[in-house]
Protein backbone atom coordinates (compact mmCIF):
# COMPACT_ATOMS: atom_id res chain seq x y z
CA MET A 1 6.29 -3.56 8.59
CA PRO A 2 3.38 -2.54 6.47
CA GLN A 3 4.57 -3.10 2.85
CA LEU A 4 2.63 -1.08 0.29
CA THR A 5 2.69 -2.07 -3.40
CA PHE A 6 0.99 0.24 -5.97
CA ARG A 7 0.20 -0.41 -9.58
CA GLY A 8 -1.73 1.62 -12.22
CA ILE A 9 -0.60 4.84 -10.58
CA ALA A 10 1.71 7.41 -12.19
CA ARG A 11 5.27 7.59 -10.72
CA ASP A 12 5.08 11.36 -10.08
CA ALA A 13 1.65 11.14 -8.40
CA LEU A 14 2.88 8.41 -6.00
CA ALA A 15 6.05 10.32 -5.36
CA ALA A 16 4.06 13.40 -4.41
CA ALA A 17 1.70 11.36 -2.06
CA ALA A 18 4.09 9.00 -0.54
CA GLY A 19 5.62 11.12 2.13
CA PRO A 20 2.44 12.56 3.75
CA LEU A 21 0.74 9.20 3.21
CA VAL A 22 3.37 7.19 5.13
CA ALA A 23 3.45 9.92 7.98
CA GLU A 24 -0.20 9.52 8.56
CA LEU A 25 -0.11 5.62 8.21
CA ALA A 26 2.55 5.53 10.83
CA GLU A 27 0.27 7.49 13.23
CA ILE A 28 -2.65 5.34 12.45
CA CYS A 29 -0.43 2.11 12.93
CA GLU A 30 1.40 3.52 16.00
CA CYS A 31 4.81 2.85 14.47
CA GLY A 32 7.66 4.73 12.82
CA THR A 33 7.76 5.79 9.31
CA ASP A 34 10.80 3.61 8.79
CA ASN A 35 8.61 0.48 9.18
CA PHE A 36 6.92 1.09 5.88
CA THR A 37 8.06 0.18 2.34
CA VAL A 38 6.41 1.81 -0.70
CA ASP A 39 6.92 0.04 -4.10
CA LEU A 40 5.54 0.95 -7.49
CA LEU A 41 4.99 -1.88 -10.00
CA GLU A 42 5.06 -0.49 -13.63
CA THR A 43 2.88 -3.13 -15.25
CA ALA A 44 1.98 -3.65 -18.89
CA PRO A 45 -1.66 -5.23 -18.92
CA ILE A 46 -2.88 -7.09 -21.79
CA PHE A 47 -6.56 -7.34 -22.58
CA GLY A 48 -7.68 -9.44 -25.50
CA GLY A 49 -4.41 -9.25 -27.20
CA GLU A 50 -4.26 -5.45 -26.90
CA GLY A 51 -2.16 -3.25 -24.51
CA GLY A 52 -4.16 -1.34 -21.90
CA VAL A 53 -3.87 0.78 -18.75
CA SER A 54 -3.71 -0.92 -15.31
CA TYR A 55 -6.54 0.10 -13.01
CA PRO A 56 -5.16 1.77 -9.87
CA PHE A 57 -4.54 -1.04 -7.31
CA VAL A 58 -2.86 -0.99 -3.86
CA GLU A 59 -1.88 -4.14 -1.94
CA ALA A 60 -1.03 -3.61 1.77
CA ALA A 61 0.82 -6.44 3.29
CA TRP A 62 1.01 -6.27 7.21
CA PHE A 63 0.29 -7.87 10.50
CA GLU A 64 -3.43 -7.52 11.28
CA ARG A 65 -4.28 -4.51 13.50
CA GLY A 66 -8.11 -4.79 13.63
CA ASP A 67 -11.12 -3.24 11.85
CA ASP A 68 -10.74 0.22 13.06
CA VAL A 69 -7.01 0.58 12.08
CA ARG A 70 -7.63 -1.19 8.67
CA ASN A 71 -10.57 1.02 7.84
CA ARG A 72 -8.67 4.17 8.72
CA PHE A 73 -5.62 2.87 6.88
CA ALA A 74 -7.62 2.41 3.74
CA GLU A 75 -9.39 5.71 3.92
CA ALA A 76 -6.03 7.47 4.26
CA VAL A 77 -4.61 5.65 1.25
CA SER A 78 -7.71 6.52 -0.85
CA ARG A 79 -7.71 10.18 0.28
CA HIS A 80 -4.09 10.76 -0.37
CA LEU A 81 -4.17 9.33 -3.84
CA ARG A 82 -7.31 11.23 -4.67
CA SER A 83 -5.32 14.35 -3.67
CA VAL A 84 -2.77 13.72 -6.42
CA GLY A 85 -5.38 12.90 -9.16
CA VAL A 86 -6.29 9.21 -8.70
CA PRO A 87 -10.10 9.27 -8.75
CA ASP A 88 -10.69 5.55 -8.23
CA LEU A 89 -8.69 2.68 -6.82
CA GLU A 90 -9.04 -0.65 -5.08
CA LEU A 91 -6.97 -1.74 -2.01
CA ALA A 92 -6.59 -5.22 -0.65
CA PHE A 93 -4.84 -6.30 2.59
CA LYS A 94 -2.50 -9.32 2.64
CA VAL A 95 -2.18 -10.42 6.33
CA TYR A 96 1.01 -12.13 7.55
CA ARG A 97 1.09 -14.16 10.71
CA GLU A 98 3.95 -13.10 12.91
CA GLU A 99 5.15 -16.74 13.58
CA MET A 100 5.33 -17.26 9.80
CA TYR A 101 7.33 -14.02 9.10
CA TYR A 102 11.13 -14.06 9.46
CA ILE A 103 13.76 -11.40 9.64
CA ASN A 104 17.32 -12.62 9.19
CA GLY A 105 16.22 -16.19 9.71
CA GLN A 106 14.40 -15.44 12.99
CA PRO A 107 10.67 -15.53 13.48
CA CYS A 108 8.93 -12.43 14.64
CA GLY A 109 6.37 -14.22 16.73
């Protein structure tokens, strides 16, 4: 169920990276590619009353899988985005607890 949300990344760059990225992340997480969602937020940042450009940021919302998987996941995201011209980015993990996550009204845990 990893949910990836991107901002500050060009739509065409993310489109080019998304397929190979999700395929690798599915291997890392030992789940199917259909478990992933990929969303692009097109934001309009405001700094000091002026428009600006959003810094590339990725949020990965998931059930915790441990340090090794998290580190490999983060490295893969960074590598795939660098390959499409995103030189720098930040990534943060939002961790869900299975007993607090519901699908169709039923808890996962």
